[in-house]
Amino acid sequence: MIPSGNSKQNIDRFLGYQNDYDRYRPEAPPIVTSLLSNYLGSRPAVVADIGCGTGLSTFVWKNAADTIYGIEPNPDMLSKAAEKLQQDSEAESLSFQQGYSNQLPFESGSVDIITCSQSFHWMEPVSTLQEIGRCLRPGGVFAAYDCDWPLVLQADIETRYNRLIASADSLLAELQPEAERAFKWDKAGHLARIQASGHFSFAREIVFHNTESCDAARYVGLMLSQGGLQTVLKLGSTLLDEAIAEFTAEVERYFNGRTLPVLISYRMRVGIK
């Protein structure tokens, strides 16, 4: 994220719900480290995870790289990441600091791998990719990867989920002046932007899947952790309360007290300097 334009709105969008975000959102799967290390051709000495949130995508590197930095502009998310770091005695190679995607605290050519998990769409892409290109060493790897929402479950529940998210976005257009709204770039354009930036000799998209355990509370929590819906609730609107209650009831009926394996699909766009 950049400290101008819409970036304050983008950062503020995630204030105040770091605990629920960390509780319900998926952790980065281990395949991320093996895929990117393979493209690098060796174990990375330095990894930077930018827009790292609460560290869900940072801690996965703790045994897969020598030094790992989590960079995050949102103070609430950053405080949660730091709290988790203090509780993990095996994460001595990790550190977190506040920062922006186009003003990274690294020497030119000093980073082996840079990642953006669930975050690149909030960053101004031209200046961000320029800064990533500056920081990566020759042969270094950049990866922007995201989950597909909603998680794979059942048609009616997924339809209700999509309607809720669309309703939240429509409500925000009414509840917030345009100047106060967060702005995100479309994820489908990530690869084209990486290719067009001129900073990478190779780029491609990779699709993979992971399975995590999920119960009704987590599935509902994942829906409620989406930024647009959170913003509607923070603005004090009750217009989605009925739809949220109906969604929750449907999810609870489906899980019926069970914890089930749920498929999580990922799309990763990779660039090699």
Protein backbone atom coordinates (compact mmCIF):
# COMPACT_ATOMS: atom_id res chain seq x y z
CA MET A 1 0.00 0.00 0.00
CA ILE A 2 1.20 3.52 -0.70
CA PRO A 3 1.01 6.54 1.61
CA SER A 4 -0.98 8.69 -0.84
CA GLY A 5 -4.19 8.59 -2.85
CA ASN A 6 -6.53 5.93 -1.51
CA SER A 7 -3.96 4.27 0.71
CA LYS A 8 -5.20 5.72 4.01
CA GLN A 9 -8.67 4.38 3.26
CA ASN A 10 -7.19 1.03 2.27
CA ILE A 11 -5.21 0.81 5.49
CA ASP A 12 -8.07 2.02 7.70
CA ARG A 13 -10.38 -0.59 6.16
CA PHE A 14 -8.58 -3.21 8.26
CA LEU A 15 -8.53 -1.37 11.58
CA GLY A 16 -10.10 -3.01 14.60
CA TYR A 17 -10.67 -6.61 13.58
CA GLN A 18 -7.18 -8.08 13.61
CA ASN A 19 -8.16 -10.80 16.10
CA ASP A 20 -11.04 -12.16 14.02
CA TYR A 21 -8.95 -11.82 10.85
CA ASP A 22 -6.17 -13.86 12.40
CA ARG A 23 -8.59 -16.41 13.85
CA TYR A 24 -10.59 -17.15 10.73
CA ARG A 25 -8.40 -16.44 7.69
CA PRO A 26 -6.29 -19.28 6.22
CA GLU A 27 -2.59 -19.50 6.93
CA ALA A 28 -0.32 -19.63 3.90
CA PRO A 29 0.17 -23.29 2.92
CA PRO A 30 3.71 -24.77 3.02
CA ILE A 31 3.67 -25.33 -0.75
CA VAL A 32 4.29 -21.59 -1.11
CA THR A 33 7.80 -21.92 0.29
CA SER A 34 8.73 -24.94 -1.81
CA LEU A 35 7.35 -23.47 -5.06
CA LEU A 36 9.15 -20.16 -4.69
CA SER A 37 12.41 -21.64 -3.38
CA ASN A 38 12.43 -23.93 -6.39
CA TYR A 39 12.11 -20.95 -8.74
CA LEU A 40 14.89 -19.22 -6.82
CA GLY A 41 17.08 -22.32 -7.15
CA SER A 42 18.22 -22.39 -3.53
CA ARG A 43 17.15 -21.79 0.04
CA PRO A 44 16.41 -18.04 0.34
CA ALA A 45 18.61 -15.97 2.59
CA VAL A 46 16.16 -13.06 2.78
CA VAL A 47 12.37 -13.13 2.33
CA ALA A 48 10.11 -10.09 2.58
CA ASP A 49 6.36 -10.55 3.03
CA ILE A 50 4.73 -7.19 2.29
CA GLY A 51 1.19 -6.36 3.28
CA CYS A 52 1.68 -9.22 5.71
CA GLY A 53 -1.32 -8.48 7.94
CA THR A 54 -1.17 -10.53 11.12
CA GLY A 55 1.65 -12.71 9.78
CA LEU A 56 -0.49 -15.57 8.46
CA SER A 57 1.69 -15.56 5.34
CA THR A 58 4.95 -14.75 7.12
CA PHE A 59 5.34 -17.48 9.73
CA VAL A 60 5.22 -20.18 7.05
CA TRP A 61 8.79 -19.15 6.13
CA LYS A 62 10.32 -19.51 9.60
CA ASN A 63 12.05 -22.82 8.82
CA ALA A 64 12.37 -22.22 5.07
CA ALA A 65 14.54 -19.07 4.95
CA ASP A 66 17.38 -17.53 6.93
CA THR A 67 15.84 -14.08 7.56
CA ILE A 68 12.21 -13.09 7.11
CA TYR A 69 10.70 -9.62 7.27
CA GLY A 70 6.99 -8.88 7.54
CA ILE A 71 6.05 -5.40 6.32
CA GLU A 72 2.57 -4.04 7.15
CA PRO A 73 1.14 -0.50 7.20
CA ASN A 74 -1.88 -1.17 9.43
CA PRO A 75 -0.99 -0.71 13.13
CA ASP A 76 -3.65 -3.11 14.44
CA MET A 77 -2.60 -5.92 12.12
CA LEU A 78 1.05 -5.24 12.90
CA SER A 79 0.44 -5.39 16.66
CA LYS A 80 -1.20 -8.81 16.29
CA ALA A 81 1.76 -10.08 14.26
CA ALA A 82 4.18 -8.81 16.91
CA GLU A 83 2.09 -10.44 19.65
CA LYS A 84 2.26 -13.79 17.87
CA LEU A 85 6.00 -13.40 17.34
CA GLN A 86 6.57 -12.98 21.07
CA GLN A 87 4.73 -16.24 21.69
CA ASP A 88 6.72 -18.27 19.13
CA SER A 89 10.11 -19.32 20.48
CA GLU A 90 11.04 -20.91 17.13
CA ALA A 91 10.59 -17.75 15.06
CA GLU A 92 13.89 -16.01 15.81
CA SER A 93 14.49 -15.45 12.10
CA LEU A 94 11.31 -13.31 11.79
CA SER A 95 10.73 -9.62 12.43
CA PHE A 96 7.86 -7.24 11.68
CA GLN A 97 7.84 -3.53 10.98
CA GLN A 98 5.52 -0.88 9.67
CA GLY A 99 6.08 0.10 6.07
CA TYR A 100 4.66 0.62 2.60
CA SER A 101 4.97 -1.43 -0.55
CA ASN A 102 6.62 1.36 -2.55
CA GLN A 103 9.01 2.40 0.24
CA LEU A 104 10.60 -0.85 1.36
CA PRO A 105 13.42 -0.72 3.95
CA PHE A 106 15.87 -2.84 1.95
CA GLU A 107 19.06 -2.19 0.03
CA SER A 108 18.85 -2.57 -3.72
CA GLY A 109 19.36 -6.16 -4.85
CA SER A 110 19.31 -7.52 -1.30
CA VAL A 111 16.15 -9.66 -1.19
CA ASP A 112 15.73 -13.17 -2.59
CA ILE A 113 11.94 -13.54 -2.45
CA ILE A 114 9.15 -10.99 -1.99
CA THR A 115 5.57 -12.11 -1.42
CA CYS A 116 2.16 -10.47 -1.22
CA SER A 117 -0.53 -12.74 0.20
CA GLN A 118 -4.10 -11.44 -0.06
CA SER A 119 -2.67 -7.94 -0.31
CA PHE A 120 -1.35 -6.96 -3.76
CA HIS A 121 -4.78 -5.75 -4.90
CA TRP A 122 -4.61 -3.03 -2.21
CA MET A 123 -1.27 -1.68 -3.49
CA GLU A 124 -0.68 0.86 -6.24
CA PRO A 125 0.88 -1.54 -8.75
CA VAL A 126 3.28 0.62 -10.78
CA SER A 127 5.25 2.10 -7.88
CA THR A 128 5.02 -1.18 -5.92
CA LEU A 129 6.43 -3.29 -8.75
CA GLN A 130 9.18 -0.72 -9.34
CA GLU A 131 10.18 -0.95 -5.67
CA ILE A 132 10.00 -4.74 -5.69
CA GLY A 133 12.22 -4.79 -8.77
CA ARG A 134 14.73 -2.54 -7.01
CA CYS A 135 14.91 -4.71 -3.91
CA LEU A 136 15.10 -8.15 -5.56
CA ARG A 137 18.49 -9.56 -6.46
CA PRO A 138 19.05 -10.86 -10.01
CA GLY A 139 17.09 -14.10 -10.25
CA GLY A 140 14.96 -13.07 -7.27
CA VAL A 141 11.32 -14.07 -7.14
CA PHE A 142 8.14 -12.06 -6.59
CA ALA A 143 4.80 -13.77 -5.90
CA ALA A 144 1.33 -12.31 -5.39
CA TYR A 145 -1.12 -14.98 -4.31
CA ASP A 146 -4.73 -15.03 -3.16
CA CYS A 147 -7.48 -17.40 -2.06
CA ASP A 148 -10.59 -17.84 -4.14
CA TRP A 149 -13.62 -16.74 -2.12
CA PRO A 150 -15.86 -18.29 -0.96
CA LEU A 151 -14.20 -21.51 0.15
CA VAL A 152 -15.50 -24.62 -1.63
CA LEU A 153 -18.51 -25.97 0.28
CA GLN A 154 -22.07 -26.10 -1.09
CA ALA A 155 -23.88 -24.25 -3.88
CA ASP A 156 -26.62 -22.50 -1.90
CA ILE A 157 -24.24 -21.37 0.82
CA GLU A 158 -21.71 -20.08 -1.70
CA THR A 159 -24.47 -18.22 -3.55
CA ARG A 160 -25.62 -16.58 -0.32
CA TYR A 161 -22.02 -15.64 0.45
CA ASN A 162 -21.55 -13.97 -2.94
CA ARG A 163 -24.83 -12.07 -2.58
CA LEU A 164 -23.81 -10.78 0.84
CA ILE A 165 -20.47 -9.52 -0.42
CA ALA A 166 -22.12 -7.86 -3.43
CA SER A 167 -24.75 -6.28 -1.16
CA ALA A 168 -22.02 -4.93 1.14
CA ASP A 169 -20.20 -3.35 -1.82
CA SER A 170 -23.43 -1.76 -3.07
CA LEU A 171 -24.22 -0.40 0.39
CA LEU A 172 -20.78 1.15 0.73
CA ALA A 173 -21.38 3.07 -2.47
CA GLU A 174 -24.38 4.64 -0.73
CA LEU A 175 -23.01 4.98 2.79
CA GLN A 176 -19.56 6.40 2.04
CA PRO A 177 -18.53 9.38 -0.09
CA GLU A 178 -16.25 8.26 -2.90
CA ALA A 179 -13.28 10.07 -1.36
CA GLU A 180 -13.61 7.94 1.79
CA ARG A 181 -13.82 4.56 0.09
CA ALA A 182 -11.01 2.07 -0.12
CA PHE A 183 -9.83 1.22 -3.62
CA LYS A 184 -8.58 -2.12 -4.86
CA TRP A 185 -7.16 -3.26 -8.16
CA ASP A 186 -8.69 -6.33 -9.78
CA LYS A 187 -6.83 -9.54 -8.99
CA ALA A 188 -7.37 -10.86 -12.50
CA GLY A 189 -5.00 -8.17 -13.75
CA HIS A 190 -2.09 -9.08 -11.49
CA LEU A 191 -0.22 -11.18 -14.05
CA ALA A 192 -0.61 -8.64 -16.85
CA ARG A 193 0.70 -5.87 -14.59
CA ILE A 194 3.71 -7.96 -13.57
CA GLN A 195 4.46 -8.73 -17.22
CA ALA A 196 3.99 -5.13 -18.35
CA SER A 197 6.15 -3.67 -15.59
CA GLY A 198 9.42 -4.50 -17.34
CA HIS A 199 11.04 -5.64 -14.08
CA PHE A 200 10.81 -9.40 -14.67
CA SER A 201 12.32 -11.75 -17.25
CA PHE A 202 9.71 -14.44 -16.62
CA ALA A 203 6.16 -14.44 -15.32
CA ARG A 204 3.34 -16.95 -15.01
CA GLU A 205 0.28 -17.93 -13.01
CA ILE A 206 0.19 -21.03 -10.81
CA VAL A 207 -3.00 -22.57 -9.41
CA PHE A 208 -2.91 -24.87 -6.38
CA HIS A 209 -5.11 -26.03 -3.52
CA ASN A 210 -4.88 -26.66 0.19
CA THR A 211 -7.26 -28.28 2.67
CA GLU A 212 -7.97 -26.90 6.13
CA SER A 213 -10.37 -27.90 8.87
CA CYS A 214 -13.46 -25.75 9.12
CA ASP A 215 -16.56 -25.62 11.31
CA ALA A 216 -19.63 -23.39 11.04
CA ALA A 217 -18.14 -20.64 13.22
CA ARG A 218 -15.05 -20.42 11.05
CA TYR A 219 -16.96 -20.42 7.77
CA VAL A 220 -19.18 -17.59 9.00
CA GLY A 221 -16.16 -15.82 10.46
CA LEU A 222 -14.39 -15.94 7.09
CA MET A 223 -17.38 -14.25 5.49
CA LEU A 224 -17.52 -11.62 8.23
CA SER A 225 -13.77 -10.97 7.87
CA GLN A 226 -14.19 -9.61 4.35
CA GLY A 227 -13.30 -5.91 4.29
CA GLY A 228 -16.43 -4.56 2.61
CA LEU A 229 -18.77 -6.28 5.01
CA GLN A 230 -16.67 -5.25 7.99
CA THR A 231 -16.80 -1.65 6.82
CA VAL A 232 -20.60 -1.74 6.55
CA LEU A 233 -20.82 -3.07 10.12
CA LYS A 234 -18.33 -0.51 11.43
CA LEU A 235 -20.45 2.26 9.89
CA GLY A 236 -23.31 1.07 12.09
CA SER A 237 -25.61 -0.12 9.33
CA THR A 238 -28.06 -2.91 10.19
CA LEU A 239 -29.27 -3.41 6.62
CA LEU A 240 -27.35 -6.67 6.23
CA ASP A 241 -28.26 -8.13 9.63
CA GLU A 242 -31.10 -10.28 8.33
CA ALA A 243 -29.06 -11.67 5.42
CA ILE A 244 -26.13 -12.40 7.77
CA ALA A 245 -28.47 -14.23 10.18
CA GLU A 246 -29.92 -16.31 7.33
CA PHE A 247 -26.45 -17.13 6.02
CA THR A 248 -25.30 -18.14 9.51
CA ALA A 249 -28.31 -20.39 10.03
CA GLU A 250 -27.77 -22.10 6.67
CA VAL A 251 -24.09 -22.70 7.41
CA GLU A 252 -24.90 -24.09 10.86
CA ARG A 253 -27.47 -26.45 9.37
CA TYR A 254 -24.93 -27.72 6.85
CA PHE A 255 -22.12 -28.34 9.34
CA ASN A 256 -24.52 -29.66 12.00
CA GLY A 257 -21.87 -29.41 14.69
CA ARG A 258 -19.20 -31.07 12.55
CA THR A 259 -15.69 -29.97 11.67
CA LEU A 260 -15.02 -30.77 8.01
CA PRO A 261 -12.09 -30.59 5.60
CA VAL A 262 -12.63 -27.63 3.26
CA LEU A 263 -10.78 -27.04 0.00
CA ILE A 264 -9.05 -23.68 -0.41
CA SER A 265 -8.05 -22.73 -3.95
CA TYR A 266 -5.14 -20.33 -4.59
CA ARG A 267 -3.97 -18.31 -7.57
CA MET A 268 -0.34 -17.22 -7.54
CA ARG A 269 1.23 -14.82 -10.00
CA VAL A 270 5.01 -15.18 -10.12
CA GLY A 271 7.66 -12.90 -11.57
CA ILE A 272 11.40 -13.66 -11.73
CA LYS A 273 13.81 -10.75 -12.03
